[in-house]
């Protein structure tokens, strides 16, 4: 009896099997850091909306960089800190020269499927002092402040 030839026909995926999707994005350069931003399934944006999360922290620079850029680009003049009392000048100068980094940025813009949901967001930024940390309490050299972190969100925390 002759053997039946093995089928070499291409079969299609069964219902429920993963399907290929198409995404689209761009890579932005923010202060020298490449930041990829992309969609999920571009064919479902209208229905599902757009969700985005920053893939890695992005260094923005300092207020001093921003002030210099504004002065150079728009001829805006900022007051000098030289006229401030010494204690306040030191604090203002430290803050102006802090390097700021976006640690978290998430955005969820709902589509038609969730049209009554609000836009959800989370933003967290860290500022790090350049040079020596600040010693807020004289005599307590073991306690220094290297910077600060602040943020805003309307995304409910996960319940554990």
N, C-alpha and C. Protein backbone atom coordinates (compact mmCIF):
# COMPACT_ATOMS: atom_id res chain seq x y z
N UNK A 1 0.84 -1.16 0.00
CA UNK A 1 0.00 0.00 0.00
C UNK A 1 0.90 1.23 0.00
N UNK A 2 0.60 2.15 -0.83
CA UNK A 2 1.40 3.38 -0.99
C UNK A 2 1.09 4.36 0.13
N UNK A 3 2.15 5.03 0.58
CA UNK A 3 1.95 6.04 1.63
C UNK A 3 1.31 7.28 1.03
N UNK A 4 0.45 7.90 1.84
CA UNK A 4 -0.16 9.16 1.42
C UNK A 4 0.88 10.26 1.54
N UNK A 5 0.94 11.18 0.58
CA UNK A 5 1.90 12.28 0.72
C UNK A 5 1.49 13.20 1.87
N UNK A 6 2.50 13.69 2.56
CA UNK A 6 2.25 14.62 3.66
C UNK A 6 1.77 15.96 3.11
N UNK A 7 0.78 16.54 3.75
CA UNK A 7 0.22 17.81 3.28
C UNK A 7 1.23 18.94 3.51
N UNK A 8 1.44 19.74 2.51
CA UNK A 8 2.32 20.90 2.63
C UNK A 8 1.54 22.19 2.50
N UNK A 9 0.22 22.11 2.60
CA UNK A 9 -0.61 23.30 2.47
C UNK A 9 -0.40 24.23 3.66
N UNK A 10 -0.46 25.50 3.41
CA UNK A 10 -0.34 26.50 4.47
C UNK A 10 -1.68 26.61 5.16
N UNK A 11 -1.66 26.49 6.46
CA UNK A 11 -2.91 26.60 7.20
C UNK A 11 -3.01 27.99 7.81
N UNK A 12 -4.22 28.43 8.05
CA UNK A 12 -4.43 29.75 8.65
C UNK A 12 -4.57 29.60 10.15
N UNK A 13 -4.34 30.69 10.85
CA UNK A 13 -4.45 30.68 12.31
C UNK A 13 -5.89 30.44 12.72
N UNK A 14 -6.05 29.74 13.78
CA UNK A 14 -7.39 29.47 14.28
C UNK A 14 -7.91 30.69 15.04
N UNK A 15 -9.20 30.78 15.21
CA UNK A 15 -9.83 31.88 15.94
C UNK A 15 -9.26 31.94 17.35
N UNK A 16 -8.96 33.11 17.83
CA UNK A 16 -8.41 33.27 19.17
C UNK A 16 -6.89 33.24 19.22
N UNK A 17 -6.27 32.83 18.13
CA UNK A 17 -4.80 32.81 18.10
C UNK A 17 -4.30 34.25 18.00
N UNK A 18 -3.10 34.54 18.51
CA UNK A 18 -2.56 35.90 18.42
C UNK A 18 -2.47 36.35 16.96
N UNK A 19 -2.83 37.62 16.76
CA UNK A 19 -2.77 38.20 15.42
C UNK A 19 -1.71 39.29 15.41
N UNK A 20 -1.14 39.50 14.28
CA UNK A 20 -0.14 40.55 14.14
C UNK A 20 -0.82 41.90 14.21
N UNK A 21 -0.16 42.85 14.83
CA UNK A 21 -0.66 44.22 14.90
C UNK A 21 0.40 45.15 14.34
N UNK A 22 0.00 46.37 14.08
CA UNK A 22 0.92 47.36 13.53
C UNK A 22 1.00 48.52 14.50
N UNK A 23 2.19 48.90 14.87
CA UNK A 23 2.36 50.07 15.72
C UNK A 23 3.16 51.12 14.97
N UNK A 24 3.07 52.34 15.45
CA UNK A 24 3.77 53.44 14.83
C UNK A 24 4.33 54.33 15.93
N UNK A 25 5.47 54.88 15.70
CA UNK A 25 6.05 55.77 16.70
C UNK A 25 7.12 56.66 16.11
N UNK A 26 7.69 57.46 16.96
CA UNK A 26 8.77 58.35 16.58
C UNK A 26 9.79 58.32 17.70
N UNK A 27 11.00 58.67 17.39
CA UNK A 27 12.04 58.80 18.41
C UNK A 27 12.37 60.29 18.49
N UNK A 28 12.07 60.88 19.65
CA UNK A 28 12.36 62.28 19.87
C UNK A 28 13.69 62.38 20.59
N UNK A 29 14.42 63.46 20.33
CA UNK A 29 15.62 63.74 21.09
C UNK A 29 15.29 64.84 22.07
N UNK A 30 15.41 64.55 23.35
CA UNK A 30 15.14 65.53 24.39
C UNK A 30 16.42 65.73 25.17
N UNK A 31 17.01 66.88 24.99
CA UNK A 31 18.26 67.24 25.68
C UNK A 31 19.33 66.17 25.49
N UNK A 32 19.45 65.65 24.28
CA UNK A 32 20.48 64.67 23.97
C UNK A 32 20.11 63.23 24.24
N UNK A 33 18.90 62.98 24.77
CA UNK A 33 18.47 61.62 25.07
C UNK A 33 17.41 61.19 24.05
N UNK A 34 17.62 60.05 23.41
CA UNK A 34 16.65 59.51 22.47
C UNK A 34 15.49 58.91 23.27
N UNK A 35 14.26 59.36 22.97
CA UNK A 35 13.07 58.89 23.68
C UNK A 35 12.08 58.34 22.67
N UNK A 36 11.96 57.01 22.60
CA UNK A 36 11.00 56.43 21.66
C UNK A 36 9.58 56.53 22.20
N UNK A 37 8.67 56.98 21.37
CA UNK A 37 7.26 57.06 21.73
C UNK A 37 6.50 56.33 20.64
N UNK A 38 5.72 55.34 21.03
CA UNK A 38 4.98 54.58 20.02
C UNK A 38 3.61 54.20 20.55
N UNK A 39 2.75 53.86 19.61
CA UNK A 39 1.40 53.43 19.94
C UNK A 39 1.40 51.93 20.13
N UNK A 40 0.30 51.42 20.59
CA UNK A 40 0.10 49.97 20.59
C UNK A 40 -0.41 49.64 19.18
N UNK A 41 -1.51 48.98 19.04
CA UNK A 41 -2.07 48.63 17.74
C UNK A 41 -2.69 49.87 17.11
N UNK A 42 -2.06 50.40 16.08
CA UNK A 42 -2.52 51.64 15.44
C UNK A 42 -3.93 51.50 14.87
N UNK A 43 -4.32 50.29 14.50
CA UNK A 43 -5.65 50.08 13.95
C UNK A 43 -6.74 50.21 15.01
N UNK A 44 -6.34 50.19 16.29
CA UNK A 44 -7.34 50.24 17.37
C UNK A 44 -7.29 51.54 18.18
N UNK A 45 -6.56 52.53 17.70
CA UNK A 45 -6.42 53.77 18.47
C UNK A 45 -7.77 54.43 18.70
N UNK A 46 -8.60 54.50 17.69
CA UNK A 46 -9.90 55.15 17.83
C UNK A 46 -10.72 54.46 18.92
N UNK A 47 -10.70 53.15 18.94
CA UNK A 47 -11.48 52.38 19.90
C UNK A 47 -10.81 52.31 21.28
N UNK A 48 -9.51 52.01 21.30
CA UNK A 48 -8.80 51.77 22.56
C UNK A 48 -8.15 53.02 23.16
N UNK A 49 -7.87 54.02 22.33
CA UNK A 49 -7.17 55.20 22.81
C UNK A 49 -5.67 55.03 22.69
N UNK A 50 -4.95 55.91 23.36
CA UNK A 50 -3.49 55.91 23.29
C UNK A 50 -2.94 55.80 24.71
N UNK A 51 -2.03 54.87 24.90
CA UNK A 51 -1.34 54.73 26.17
C UNK A 51 0.16 54.90 25.90
N UNK A 52 0.80 55.63 26.80
CA UNK A 52 2.22 55.88 26.65
C UNK A 52 2.88 55.88 28.02
N UNK A 53 4.05 55.30 28.11
CA UNK A 53 4.88 55.37 29.31
C UNK A 53 6.31 55.62 28.87
N UNK A 54 6.95 56.56 29.51
CA UNK A 54 8.34 56.87 29.21
C UNK A 54 9.18 55.62 29.45
N UNK A 55 9.97 55.19 28.45
CA UNK A 55 10.72 53.94 28.60
C UNK A 55 11.93 54.04 29.54
N UNK A 56 12.43 55.26 29.73
CA UNK A 56 13.58 55.44 30.63
C UNK A 56 13.62 56.90 31.07
N UNK A 57 14.29 57.19 32.17
CA UNK A 57 14.38 58.58 32.63
C UNK A 57 15.03 59.47 31.57
N UNK A 58 14.59 60.74 31.55
CA UNK A 58 15.12 61.71 30.59
C UNK A 58 15.62 62.93 31.35
N UNK A 59 16.90 63.26 31.16
CA UNK A 59 17.49 64.43 31.80
C UNK A 59 17.07 65.67 31.01
N UNK A 60 16.46 66.62 31.71
CA UNK A 60 16.02 67.85 31.06
C UNK A 60 17.06 68.96 31.12
N UNK A 61 17.91 68.92 32.13
CA UNK A 61 18.87 70.00 32.33
C UNK A 61 18.50 70.79 33.57
N UNK A 62 18.96 72.02 33.65
CA UNK A 62 18.75 72.84 34.84
C UNK A 62 17.94 74.08 34.50
N UNK A 63 17.46 74.77 35.56
CA UNK A 63 16.81 76.06 35.35
C UNK A 63 17.82 77.03 34.74
N UNK A 64 19.09 76.90 35.12
CA UNK A 64 20.12 77.77 34.55
C UNK A 64 20.19 77.59 33.03
N UNK A 65 20.10 76.32 32.56
CA UNK A 65 20.07 76.07 31.11
C UNK A 65 18.84 76.73 30.48
N UNK A 66 17.69 76.57 31.14
CA UNK A 66 16.44 77.15 30.63
C UNK A 66 16.53 78.67 30.60
N UNK A 67 17.03 79.27 31.68
CA UNK A 67 17.16 80.72 31.74
C UNK A 67 18.09 81.21 30.64
N UNK A 68 19.22 80.54 30.44
CA UNK A 68 20.17 80.91 29.39
C UNK A 68 19.50 80.82 28.02
N UNK A 69 18.75 79.74 27.79
CA UNK A 69 18.07 79.56 26.50
C UNK A 69 17.04 80.67 26.29
N UNK A 70 16.25 81.00 27.32
CA UNK A 70 15.24 82.06 27.19
C UNK A 70 15.91 83.41 26.93
N UNK A 71 17.00 83.69 27.63
CA UNK A 71 17.72 84.95 27.43
C UNK A 71 18.28 85.04 26.02
N UNK A 72 18.88 83.93 25.54
CA UNK A 72 19.48 83.92 24.20
C UNK A 72 18.43 83.93 23.10
N UNK A 73 17.40 83.14 23.26
CA UNK A 73 16.39 82.99 22.20
C UNK A 73 15.42 84.16 22.14
N UNK A 74 14.98 84.64 23.30
CA UNK A 74 13.92 85.66 23.33
C UNK A 74 14.35 86.98 23.93
N UNK A 75 15.63 87.15 24.22
CA UNK A 75 16.15 88.37 24.82
C UNK A 75 15.44 88.74 26.12
N UNK A 76 15.07 87.73 26.88
CA UNK A 76 14.44 87.94 28.18
C UNK A 76 15.55 88.10 29.21
N UNK A 77 15.40 89.09 30.08
CA UNK A 77 16.40 89.31 31.12
C UNK A 77 15.84 88.88 32.47
N UNK A 78 16.56 88.02 33.15
CA UNK A 78 16.16 87.57 34.47
C UNK A 78 16.96 88.32 35.51
N UNK A 79 16.32 88.61 36.66
CA UNK A 79 17.07 89.33 37.70
C UNK A 79 18.19 88.47 38.26
N UNK A 80 19.24 89.14 38.69
CA UNK A 80 20.38 88.46 39.29
C UNK A 80 20.05 88.07 40.72
N UNK A 81 20.65 87.00 41.18
CA UNK A 81 20.47 86.59 42.58
C UNK A 81 21.43 87.34 43.50
N UNK A 82 22.30 88.17 42.93
CA UNK A 82 23.30 88.89 43.73
C UNK A 82 22.68 89.83 44.76
N UNK A 83 21.47 90.32 44.50
CA UNK A 83 20.84 91.27 45.42
C UNK A 83 20.08 90.59 46.56
N UNK A 84 20.05 89.29 46.57
CA UNK A 84 19.35 88.56 47.63
C UNK A 84 20.23 88.43 48.87
N UNK A 85 19.61 88.28 50.05
CA UNK A 85 20.42 88.00 51.25
C UNK A 85 21.22 86.71 51.01
N UNK A 86 22.40 86.62 51.60
CA UNK A 86 23.32 85.50 51.34
C UNK A 86 22.66 84.13 51.54
N UNK A 87 21.91 83.96 52.64
CA UNK A 87 21.28 82.67 52.92
C UNK A 87 20.27 82.30 51.84
N UNK A 88 19.52 83.28 51.34
CA UNK A 88 18.52 83.02 50.30
C UNK A 88 19.19 82.85 48.94
N UNK A 89 20.24 83.62 48.69
CA UNK A 89 20.98 83.50 47.43
C UNK A 89 21.54 82.09 47.27
N UNK A 90 22.09 81.53 48.34
CA UNK A 90 22.66 80.17 48.27
C UNK A 90 21.59 79.15 47.91
N UNK A 91 20.41 79.28 48.50
CA UNK A 91 19.32 78.35 48.21
C UNK A 91 18.84 78.52 46.78
N UNK A 92 18.59 79.76 46.37
CA UNK A 92 18.11 80.02 45.00
C UNK A 92 19.14 79.56 43.97
N UNK A 93 20.41 79.84 44.20
CA UNK A 93 21.46 79.40 43.26
C UNK A 93 21.51 77.87 43.17
N UNK A 94 21.36 77.20 44.32
CA UNK A 94 21.37 75.73 44.31
C UNK A 94 20.20 75.19 43.48
N UNK A 95 19.02 75.78 43.65
CA UNK A 95 17.84 75.31 42.91
C UNK A 95 17.99 75.63 41.42
N UNK A 96 18.47 76.80 41.08
CA UNK A 96 18.65 77.19 39.68
C UNK A 96 19.61 76.23 38.97
N UNK A 97 20.62 75.76 39.69
CA UNK A 97 21.62 74.89 39.08
C UNK A 97 21.32 73.40 39.22
N UNK A 98 20.18 73.04 39.83
CA UNK A 98 19.80 71.63 39.95
C UNK A 98 19.62 71.04 38.56
N UNK A 99 19.96 69.78 38.43
CA UNK A 99 19.71 69.06 37.18
C UNK A 99 18.40 68.29 37.35
N UNK A 100 17.47 68.52 36.43
CA UNK A 100 16.15 67.90 36.52
C UNK A 100 16.04 66.72 35.56
N UNK A 101 15.44 65.65 36.07
CA UNK A 101 15.24 64.43 35.29
C UNK A 101 13.79 63.98 35.43
N UNK A 102 13.15 63.70 34.30
CA UNK A 102 11.80 63.11 34.35
C UNK A 102 11.99 61.62 34.61
N UNK A 103 11.51 61.17 35.76
CA UNK A 103 11.63 59.76 36.12
C UNK A 103 10.47 58.94 35.59
N UNK A 104 9.25 59.49 35.70
CA UNK A 104 8.04 58.79 35.29
C UNK A 104 7.18 59.75 34.47
N UNK A 105 6.73 59.29 33.34
CA UNK A 105 5.71 60.00 32.58
C UNK A 105 4.83 58.95 31.92
N UNK A 106 3.57 58.92 32.32
CA UNK A 106 2.60 58.00 31.74
C UNK A 106 1.39 58.80 31.30
N UNK A 107 0.81 58.39 30.20
CA UNK A 107 -0.37 59.06 29.67
C UNK A 107 -1.31 58.01 29.12
N UNK A 108 -2.58 58.11 29.47
CA UNK A 108 -3.60 57.19 28.98
C UNK A 108 -4.78 58.03 28.51
N UNK A 109 -4.90 58.17 27.19
CA UNK A 109 -6.01 58.91 26.59
C UNK A 109 -7.02 57.87 26.11
N UNK A 110 -8.20 57.81 26.76
CA UNK A 110 -9.15 56.76 26.40
C UNK A 110 -9.75 56.96 25.01
N UNK A 111 -10.08 55.83 24.40
CA UNK A 111 -10.74 55.86 23.10
C UNK A 111 -12.25 55.71 23.27
N UNK A 112 -12.93 55.42 22.19
CA UNK A 112 -14.39 55.31 22.21
C UNK A 112 -14.89 54.22 23.15
N UNK A 113 -14.10 53.17 23.33
CA UNK A 113 -14.49 52.07 24.20
C UNK A 113 -14.62 52.52 25.66
N UNK A 114 -13.83 53.55 26.03
CA UNK A 114 -13.87 54.09 27.40
C UNK A 114 -14.11 55.60 27.36
N UNK A 115 -15.03 56.05 26.53
CA UNK A 115 -15.19 57.47 26.25
C UNK A 115 -15.54 58.31 27.48
N UNK A 116 -16.11 57.70 28.52
CA UNK A 116 -16.46 58.46 29.72
C UNK A 116 -15.32 58.49 30.74
N UNK A 117 -14.27 57.76 30.49
CA UNK A 117 -13.11 57.77 31.40
C UNK A 117 -12.31 59.05 31.20
N UNK A 118 -11.71 59.56 32.27
CA UNK A 118 -10.85 60.74 32.11
C UNK A 118 -9.49 60.35 31.54
N UNK A 119 -8.79 61.34 31.04
CA UNK A 119 -7.39 61.13 30.66
C UNK A 119 -6.64 60.89 31.96
N UNK A 120 -5.81 59.86 31.98
CA UNK A 120 -5.03 59.54 33.18
C UNK A 120 -3.56 59.86 32.91
N UNK A 121 -2.89 60.34 33.95
CA UNK A 121 -1.50 60.74 33.78
C UNK A 121 -0.73 60.55 35.07
N UNK A 122 0.57 60.44 34.92
CA UNK A 122 1.50 60.40 36.06
C UNK A 122 2.78 61.08 35.61
N UNK A 123 3.30 61.96 36.44
CA UNK A 123 4.54 62.66 36.15
C UNK A 123 5.34 62.75 37.45
N UNK A 124 6.60 62.34 37.39
CA UNK A 124 7.48 62.45 38.54
C UNK A 124 8.83 62.98 38.07
N UNK A 125 9.28 64.03 38.72
CA UNK A 125 10.53 64.68 38.33
C UNK A 125 11.45 64.76 39.54
N UNK A 126 12.72 64.46 39.32
CA UNK A 126 13.73 64.57 40.38
C UNK A 126 14.67 65.73 40.04
N UNK A 127 15.04 66.46 41.06
CA UNK A 127 16.03 67.51 40.91
C UNK A 127 17.23 67.17 41.79
N UNK A 128 18.42 67.17 41.19
CA UNK A 128 19.63 66.83 41.93
C UNK A 128 20.56 68.03 41.94
N UNK A 129 21.04 68.38 43.14
CA UNK A 129 21.96 69.51 43.25
C UNK A 129 23.28 69.17 42.57
N UNK A 130 23.84 70.15 41.89
CA UNK A 130 25.14 69.99 41.26
C UNK A 130 26.19 70.38 42.30
N UNK A 131 27.19 69.57 42.47
CA UNK A 131 28.22 69.86 43.47
C UNK A 131 27.86 69.26 44.81
N UNK A 132 28.23 69.95 45.87
CA UNK A 132 28.03 69.45 47.23
C UNK A 132 26.56 69.46 47.62
N UNK A 133 26.12 68.42 48.34
CA UNK A 133 24.75 68.42 48.86
C UNK A 133 24.59 69.54 49.89
N UNK A 134 23.34 69.96 50.10
CA UNK A 134 23.08 71.00 51.09
C UNK A 134 23.01 70.37 52.47
N UNK A 135 23.61 71.05 53.45
CA UNK A 135 23.53 70.61 54.84
C UNK A 135 22.52 71.54 55.52
N UNK A 136 21.28 71.08 55.71
CA UNK A 136 20.24 71.98 56.21
C UNK A 136 20.37 72.34 57.69
N UNK A 137 21.02 71.48 58.47
CA UNK A 137 21.14 71.72 59.91
C UNK A 137 22.63 71.75 60.28
N UNK A 138 23.12 72.92 60.69
CA UNK A 138 24.53 73.00 61.08
C UNK A 138 24.86 72.01 62.20
N UNK A 139 26.00 71.33 62.07
CA UNK A 139 26.42 70.37 63.07
C UNK A 139 25.94 68.95 62.81
N UNK A 140 25.01 68.78 61.89
CA UNK A 140 24.50 67.45 61.53
C UNK A 140 25.04 67.07 60.15
N UNK A 141 26.36 66.89 60.08
CA UNK A 141 27.01 66.61 58.80
C UNK A 141 26.58 65.29 58.17
N UNK A 142 26.01 64.40 58.96
CA UNK A 142 25.55 63.12 58.43
C UNK A 142 24.25 63.26 57.65
N UNK A 143 23.58 64.39 57.79
CA UNK A 143 22.30 64.62 57.11
C UNK A 143 22.47 65.72 56.06
N UNK A 144 22.43 65.33 54.81
CA UNK A 144 22.56 66.29 53.72
C UNK A 144 21.45 66.03 52.70
N UNK A 145 21.11 67.07 51.98
CA UNK A 145 20.07 66.96 50.96
C UNK A 145 20.74 67.02 49.59
N UNK A 146 20.55 65.97 48.81
CA UNK A 146 21.13 65.89 47.47
C UNK A 146 20.17 66.43 46.42
N UNK A 147 18.89 66.53 46.75
CA UNK A 147 17.91 67.00 45.79
C UNK A 147 16.51 66.73 46.29
N UNK A 148 15.59 66.68 45.37
CA UNK A 148 14.20 66.44 45.72
C UNK A 148 13.46 65.77 44.59
N UNK A 149 12.30 65.23 44.91
CA UNK A 149 11.46 64.55 43.93
C UNK A 149 10.05 65.08 44.12
N UNK A 150 9.39 65.39 43.03
CA UNK A 150 7.99 65.79 43.12
C UNK A 150 7.24 65.21 41.94
N UNK A 151 5.95 65.09 42.12
CA UNK A 151 5.16 64.51 41.04
C UNK A 151 3.69 64.79 41.21
N UNK A 152 2.94 64.39 40.21
CA UNK A 152 1.49 64.53 40.19
C UNK A 152 0.92 63.36 39.40
N UNK A 153 -0.21 62.84 39.87
CA UNK A 153 -0.85 61.73 39.16
C UNK A 153 -2.34 61.70 39.48
N UNK A 154 -3.10 61.16 38.57
CA UNK A 154 -4.50 60.86 38.86
C UNK A 154 -4.77 59.37 38.61
N UNK A 155 -3.70 58.60 38.58
CA UNK A 155 -3.81 57.15 38.41
C UNK A 155 -3.85 56.52 39.80
N UNK A 156 -4.90 55.78 40.07
CA UNK A 156 -5.04 55.14 41.38
C UNK A 156 -3.95 54.09 41.55
N UNK A 157 -3.38 54.03 42.77
CA UNK A 157 -2.34 53.01 43.01
C UNK A 157 -2.94 51.61 42.97
N UNK A 158 -2.11 50.66 42.59
CA UNK A 158 -2.55 49.26 42.56
C UNK A 158 -2.77 48.79 43.98
N UNK A 159 -3.83 48.02 44.19
CA UNK A 159 -4.13 47.49 45.50
C UNK A 159 -3.38 46.18 45.66
N UNK A 160 -2.66 46.06 46.77
CA UNK A 160 -1.89 44.83 46.99
C UNK A 160 -2.60 43.91 47.92
